C-alpha atoms as a PDB file:
ATOM      1  CA  UNK A   1     -13.957   8.585  15.522  1.00  0.00           C
ATOM      2  CA  UNK A   2     -15.325   5.065  15.429  1.00  0.00           C
ATOM      3  CA  UNK A   3     -14.030   2.105  17.392  1.00  0.00           C
ATOM      4  CA  UNK A   4     -10.940   0.641  15.729  1.00  0.00           C
ATOM      5  CA  UNK A   5     -11.135  -3.059  14.885  1.00  0.00           C
ATOM      6  CA  UNK A   6      -7.855  -4.899  14.508  1.00  0.00           C
ATOM      7  CA  UNK A   7      -7.911  -7.911  12.172  1.00  0.00           C
ATOM      8  CA  UNK A   8      -5.069 -10.379  12.643  1.00  0.00           C
ATOM      9  CA  UNK A   9      -4.188 -11.741   9.210  1.00  0.00           C
ATOM     10  CA  UNK A  10      -1.133 -13.869  10.046  1.00  0.00           C
ATOM     11  CA  UNK A  11       0.626 -15.237  13.096  1.00  0.00           C
ATOM     12  CA  UNK A  12       4.090 -16.760  12.764  1.00  0.00           C
ATOM     13  CA  UNK A  13       5.011 -19.133  15.572  1.00  0.00           C
ATOM     14  CA  UNK A  14       7.660 -21.753  16.043  1.00  0.00           C
ATOM     15  CA  UNK A  15       9.512 -24.156  18.243  1.00  0.00           C
ATOM     16  CA  UNK A  16      12.679 -26.219  18.156  1.00  0.00           C
ATOM     17  CA  UNK A  17      13.177 -29.870  19.017  1.00  0.00           C
ATOM     18  CA  UNK A  18      16.221 -30.827  21.033  1.00  0.00           C
ATOM     19  CA  UNK A  19      17.076 -33.300  18.267  1.00  0.00           C
ATOM     20  CA  UNK A  20      16.974 -33.720  14.492  1.00  0.00           C
ATOM     21  CA  UNK A  21      13.717 -34.758  12.822  1.00  0.00           C
ATOM     22  CA  UNK A  22      13.752 -37.899  10.642  1.00  0.00           C
ATOM     23  CA  UNK A  23      12.493 -36.570   7.304  1.00  0.00           C
ATOM     24  CA  UNK A  24      11.568 -40.038   6.012  1.00  0.00           C
ATOM     25  CA  UNK A  25       9.185 -40.585   8.934  1.00  0.00           C
ATOM     26  CA  UNK A  26       7.552 -37.180   8.465  1.00  0.00           C
ATOM     27  CA  UNK A  27       6.964 -37.991   4.791  1.00  0.00           C
ATOM     28  CA  UNK A  28       4.724 -40.869   5.934  1.00  0.00           C
ATOM     29  CA  UNK A  29       2.120 -38.265   6.931  1.00  0.00           C
ATOM     30  CA  UNK A  30      -0.545 -37.884   4.213  1.00  0.00           C
ATOM     31  CA  UNK A  31      -0.437 -34.069   4.405  1.00  0.00           C
ATOM     32  CA  UNK A  32       3.373 -33.925   3.961  1.00  0.00           C
ATOM     33  CA  UNK A  33       4.797 -32.136   0.900  1.00  0.00           C
ATOM     34  CA  UNK A  34       8.456 -32.176  -0.106  1.00  0.00           C
ATOM     35  CA  UNK A  35      10.232 -31.012  -3.252  1.00  0.00           C
ATOM     36  CA  UNK A  36      13.480 -32.623  -4.397  1.00  0.00           C
ATOM     37  CA  UNK A  37      14.362 -29.968  -6.974  1.00  0.00           C
ATOM     38  CA  UNK A  38      17.789 -28.353  -6.517  1.00  0.00           C
ATOM     39  CA  UNK A  39      17.855 -24.982  -4.731  1.00  0.00           C
ATOM     40  CA  UNK A  40      14.278 -25.456  -3.590  1.00  0.00           C
ATOM     41  CA  UNK A  41      12.808 -25.114  -0.136  1.00  0.00           C
ATOM     42  CA  UNK A  42      14.568 -27.659   2.080  1.00  0.00           C
ATOM     43  CA  UNK A  43      11.786 -28.332   4.553  1.00  0.00           C
ATOM     44  CA  UNK A  44       8.675 -30.437   4.637  1.00  0.00           C
ATOM     45  CA  UNK A  45       5.347 -28.647   4.454  1.00  0.00           C
ATOM     46  CA  UNK A  46       2.179 -29.736   6.243  1.00  0.00           C
ATOM     47  CA  UNK A  47      -1.027 -27.914   5.304  1.00  0.00           C
ATOM     48  CA  UNK A  48      -3.926 -27.881   7.740  1.00  0.00           C
ATOM     49  CA  UNK A  49      -7.438 -26.708   6.887  1.00  0.00           C
ATOM     50  CA  UNK A  50      -8.740 -26.337  10.428  1.00  0.00           C
ATOM     51  CA  UNK A  51      -7.360 -24.204  11.873  1.00  0.00           C
ATOM     52  CA  UNK A  52      -5.964 -23.012   8.559  1.00  0.00           C
ATOM     53  CA  UNK A  53      -2.187 -22.929   8.679  1.00  0.00           C
ATOM     54  CA  UNK A  54       1.009 -24.134   7.056  1.00  0.00           C
ATOM     55  CA  UNK A  55       3.646 -25.940   9.091  1.00  0.00           C
ATOM     56  CA  UNK A  56       7.256 -26.022   7.908  1.00  0.00           C
ATOM     57  CA  UNK A  57       9.456 -28.745   9.391  1.00  0.00           C
ATOM     58  CA  UNK A  58      13.217 -28.902   9.013  1.00  0.00           C
ATOM     59  CA  UNK A  59      15.591 -31.782   9.716  1.00  0.00           C
ATOM     60  CA  UNK A  60      17.408 -29.527  12.188  1.00  0.00           C
ATOM     61  CA  UNK A  61      14.386 -29.810  14.486  1.00  0.00           C
ATOM     62  CA  UNK A  62      12.898 -26.414  13.736  1.00  0.00           C
ATOM     63  CA  UNK A  63       9.125 -26.084  13.228  1.00  0.00           C
ATOM     64  CA  UNK A  64       7.440 -22.914  11.959  1.00  0.00           C
ATOM     65  CA  UNK A  65       3.717 -22.218  11.646  1.00  0.00           C
ATOM     66  CA  UNK A  66       2.445 -19.568   9.209  1.00  0.00           C
ATOM     67  CA  UNK A  67      -0.994 -18.427   8.143  1.00  0.00           C
ATOM     68  CA  UNK A  68      -2.900 -18.694  11.416  1.00  0.00           C
ATOM     69  CA  UNK A  69      -5.404 -15.966  12.223  1.00  0.00           C
ATOM     70  CA  UNK A  70      -4.777 -16.046  15.980  1.00  0.00           C
ATOM     71  CA  UNK A  71      -2.119 -16.975  18.502  1.00  0.00           C
ATOM     72  CA  UNK A  72      -4.370 -19.776  19.771  1.00  0.00           C
ATOM     73  CA  UNK A  73      -4.737 -21.226  16.252  1.00  0.00           C
ATOM     74  CA  UNK A  74      -0.969 -21.131  15.696  1.00  0.00           C
ATOM     75  CA  UNK A  75      -0.396 -23.031  18.932  1.00  0.00           C
ATOM     76  CA  UNK A  76      -3.162 -25.530  18.060  1.00  0.00           C
ATOM     77  CA  UNK A  77      -1.591 -26.160  14.671  1.00  0.00           C
ATOM     78  CA  UNK A  78       1.854 -26.817  16.139  1.00  0.00           C
ATOM     79  CA  UNK A  79       0.364 -29.130  18.773  1.00  0.00           C
ATOM     80  CA  UNK A  80      -1.571 -30.960  16.043  1.00  0.00           C
ATOM     81  CA  UNK A  81       1.691 -31.349  14.133  1.00  0.00           C
ATOM     82  CA  UNK A  82       3.353 -32.816  17.230  1.00  0.00           C
ATOM     83  CA  UNK A  83       0.510 -35.337  17.659  1.00  0.00           C
ATOM     84  CA  UNK A  84       0.921 -36.367  14.016  1.00  0.00           C
ATOM     85  CA  UNK A  85       4.696 -36.682  14.373  1.00  0.00           C
ATOM     86  CA  UNK A  86       4.190 -38.911  17.381  1.00  0.00           C
ATOM     87  CA  UNK A  87       1.889 -41.148  15.285  1.00  0.00           C
ATOM     88  CA  UNK A  88       4.753 -41.857  12.861  1.00  0.00           C
ATOM     89  CA  UNK A  89       7.196 -42.688  15.655  1.00  0.00           C
ATOM     90  CA  UNK A  90       8.933 -39.373  16.252  1.00  0.00           C
ATOM     91  CA  UNK A  91       9.510 -38.539  19.917  1.00  0.00           C
ATOM     92  CA  UNK A  92       8.100 -35.095  20.711  1.00  0.00           C
ATOM     93  CA  UNK A  93       8.535 -32.856  23.758  1.00  0.00           C
ATOM     94  CA  UNK A  94       5.831 -33.227  26.412  1.00  0.00           C
ATOM     95  CA  UNK A  95       5.747 -29.480  27.118  1.00  0.00           C
ATOM     96  CA  UNK A  96       6.662 -27.754  23.866  1.00  0.00           C
ATOM     97  CA  UNK A  97       7.919 -24.176  24.153  1.00  0.00           C
ATOM     98  CA  UNK A  98       6.032 -22.466  21.353  1.00  0.00           C
ATOM     99  CA  UNK A  99       7.255 -18.951  20.629  1.00  0.00           C
ATOM    100  CA  UNK A 100       5.349 -16.257  18.730  1.00  0.00           C
ATOM    101  CA  UNK A 101       7.715 -14.635  16.217  1.00  0.00           C
ATOM    102  CA  UNK A 102       5.426 -12.134  14.485  1.00  0.00           C
ATOM    103  CA  UNK A 103       1.833 -10.944  14.251  1.00  0.00           C
ATOM    104  CA  UNK A 104       0.574  -9.170  11.127  1.00  0.00           C
ATOM    105  CA  UNK A 105      -2.686  -7.235  11.401  1.00  0.00           C
ATOM    106  CA  UNK A 106      -4.743  -4.845   9.314  1.00  0.00           C
ATOM    107  CA  UNK A 107      -6.747  -1.915  10.611  1.00  0.00           C
ATOM    108  CA  UNK A 108      -9.133   0.502   8.940  1.00  0.00           C
ATOM    109  CA  UNK A 109      -9.458   3.768  10.854  1.00  0.00           C
ATOM    110  CA  UNK A 110     -12.480   4.626   8.698  1.00  0.00           C
ATOM    111  CA  UNK A 111     -11.234   8.065   7.706  1.00  0.00           C
ATOM    112  CA  UNK A 112      -8.652   9.171   5.132  1.00  0.00           C
ATOM    113  CA  UNK A 113      -5.290  10.364   6.413  1.00  0.00           C
ATOM    114  CA  UNK A 114      -3.460  13.480   5.244  1.00  0.00           C
ATOM    115  CA  UNK A 115      -0.497  11.344   4.266  1.00  0.00           C
ATOM    116  CA  UNK A 116       2.009  14.063   3.329  1.00  0.00           C
ATOM    117  CA  UNK A 117       1.401  15.940   6.573  1.00  0.00           C
ATOM    118  CA  UNK A 118       1.579  12.680   8.525  1.00  0.00           C
ATOM    119  CA  UNK A 119       4.934  11.888   6.914  1.00  0.00           C
ATOM    120  CA  UNK A 120       6.316  15.171   8.232  1.00  0.00           C
ATOM    121  CA  UNK A 121       4.959  14.713  11.758  1.00  0.00           C
ATOM    122  CA  UNK A 122       5.435  10.995  12.438  1.00  0.00           C
ATOM    123  CA  UNK A 123       8.883  10.342  13.887  1.00  0.00           C
ATOM    124  CA  UNK A 124      10.939   7.424  12.530  1.00  0.00           C
ATOM    125  CA  UNK A 125       8.918   7.335   9.319  1.00  0.00           C
ATOM    126  CA  UNK A 126       9.866   6.945   5.679  1.00  0.00           C
ATOM    127  CA  UNK A 127       7.653   8.263   2.910  1.00  0.00           C
ATOM    128  CA  UNK A 128       8.801   8.017  -0.698  1.00  0.00           C
ATOM    129  CA  UNK A 129       5.596   8.070  -2.777  1.00  0.00           C
ATOM    130  CA  UNK A 130       7.489   7.399  -6.008  1.00  0.00           C
ATOM    131  CA  UNK A 131       8.494   4.003  -4.602  1.00  0.00           C
ATOM    132  CA  UNK A 132       5.675   3.093  -2.201  1.00  0.00           C
ATOM    133  CA  UNK A 133       2.285   4.699  -1.611  1.00  0.00           C
ATOM    134  CA  UNK A 134       2.371   4.475   2.185  1.00  0.00           C
ATOM    135  CA  UNK A 135       4.395   5.653   5.125  1.00  0.00           C
ATOM    136  CA  UNK A 136       6.700   3.090   6.697  1.00  0.00           C
ATOM    137  CA  UNK A 137       6.663   3.856  10.406  1.00  0.00           C
ATOM    138  CA  UNK A 138       9.061   2.280  12.907  1.00  0.00           C
ATOM    139  CA  UNK A 139       7.595   2.135  16.398  1.00  0.00           C
ATOM    140  CA  UNK A 140      10.059   1.630  19.254  1.00  0.00           C
ATOM    141  CA  UNK A 141       7.730   0.905  22.164  1.00  0.00           C
ATOM    142  CA  UNK A 142       6.212  -1.514  21.597  1.00  0.00           C
ATOM    143  CA  UNK A 143       8.492  -2.618  18.806  1.00  0.00           C
ATOM    144  CA  UNK A 144       6.550  -2.718  15.512  1.00  0.00           C
ATOM    145  CA  UNK A 145       6.522  -1.557  11.922  1.00  0.00           C
ATOM    146  CA  UNK A 146       3.346   0.069  10.638  1.00  0.00           C
ATOM    147  CA  UNK A 147       2.438   0.826   7.043  1.00  0.00           C
ATOM    148  CA  UNK A 148       0.135   3.857   6.919  1.00  0.00           C
ATOM    149  CA  UNK A 149      -1.965   4.589   3.824  1.00  0.00           C
ATOM    150  CA  UNK A 150      -3.910   7.700   2.819  1.00  0.00           C
ATOM    151  CA  UNK A 151      -7.133   5.645   2.771  1.00  0.00           C
ATOM    152  CA  UNK A 152      -7.001   5.317   6.569  1.00  0.00           C
ATOM    153  CA  UNK A 153      -5.906   1.707   6.374  1.00  0.00           C
ATOM    154  CA  UNK A 154      -2.797   0.474   8.143  1.00  0.00           C
ATOM    155  CA  UNK A 155      -0.862  -2.772   8.395  1.00  0.00           C
ATOM    156  CA  UNK A 156       1.010  -3.500  11.611  1.00  0.00           C
ATOM    157  CA  UNK A 157       3.742  -6.131  11.799  1.00  0.00           C
ATOM    158  CA  UNK A 158       6.497  -7.121  14.167  1.00  0.00           C
ATOM    159  CA  UNK A 159       4.619  -7.464  17.438  1.00  0.00           C
ATOM    160  CA  UNK A 160       4.749 -10.737  19.355  1.00  0.00           C
ATOM    161  CA  UNK A 161       1.547 -10.457  21.395  1.00  0.00           C
ATOM    162  CA  UNK A 162      -1.891  -8.902  21.042  1.00  0.00           C
ATOM    163  CA  UNK A 163      -1.338  -6.348  23.813  1.00  0.00           C
ATOM    164  CA  UNK A 164       1.669  -4.838  22.007  1.00  0.00           C
ATOM    165  CA  UNK A 165      -0.311  -4.890  18.757  1.00  0.00           C
ATOM    166  CA  UNK A 166      -3.139  -2.909  20.369  1.00  0.00           C
ATOM    167  CA  UNK A 167      -0.674  -0.461  21.962  1.00  0.00           C
ATOM    168  CA  UNK A 168       1.102   0.221  18.662  1.00  0.00           C
ATOM    169  CA  UNK A 169      -2.159   0.811  16.768  1.00  0.00           C
ATOM    170  CA  UNK A 170      -3.689   2.921  19.580  1.00  0.00           C
ATOM    171  CA  UNK A 171      -0.551   5.042  19.830  1.00  0.00           C
ATOM    172  CA  UNK A 172      -0.614   5.720  16.088  1.00  0.00           C
ATOM    173  CA  UNK A 173      -4.320   6.573  16.151  1.00  0.00           C
ATOM    174  CA  UNK A 174      -3.850   8.960  19.075  1.00  0.00           C
ATOM    175  CA  UNK A 175      -0.941  10.707  17.326  1.00  0.00           C
ATOM    176  CA  UNK A 176      -2.995  11.077  14.133  1.00  0.00           C
ATOM    177  CA  UNK A 177      -5.958  12.490  16.108  1.00  0.00           C
ATOM    178  CA  UNK A 178      -3.864  14.871  18.226  1.00  0.00           C
ATOM    179  CA  UNK A 179      -2.165  16.254  15.114  1.00  0.00           C
ATOM    180  CA  UNK A 180      -5.441  16.486  13.179  1.00  0.00           C
ATOM    181  CA  UNK A 181      -4.116  14.215  10.444  1.00  0.00           C
ATOM    182  CA  UNK A 182      -7.449  12.604   9.633  1.00  0.00           C
ATOM    183  CA  UNK A 183      -9.231  14.305   6.723  1.00  0.00           C
ATOM    184  CA  UNK A 184     -12.609  15.682   7.621  1.00  0.00           C
ATOM    185  CA  UNK A 185     -15.061  13.890   5.338  1.00  0.00           C
ATOM    186  CA  UNK A 186     -18.049  16.174   6.085  1.00  0.00           C
END
């Protein structure tokens, strides 16, 4: 079995101000987007190209960062947002408490998986091929949800740090190997 490479495809991070954010000041930023249509998204969106991410700001003081490819990039994007908010006269915390909410990653084990057998063996799994082509696996420790496909590709979501992400993927791989659930492609 080859070395498993984990590709982080999205990190969701956030923080909360201790006060409300003045929407009119945020809209002074050139990258700010806001829609006034009824029932639309109620926040302001800031799009950054480097590192690539989308920041959502809400009047309540909540900030969320989506689309980053690493924890470091998510934190950089939020800090960049804070610098920009400061430029338009919004007081920002000196030591922001940025929290990672979710990491989404893809993995290719490089070998097909005997999906029907895996569905029977993997505990806390759901497999309904008429509705979805993969197994939905709930992992308790570390807490994660993994989508397992017959192609040998998986998507892992729900972890909050890279160590837990690696543990969840390694645990799945070990279980698949021990139960001989990889198809022999010889």
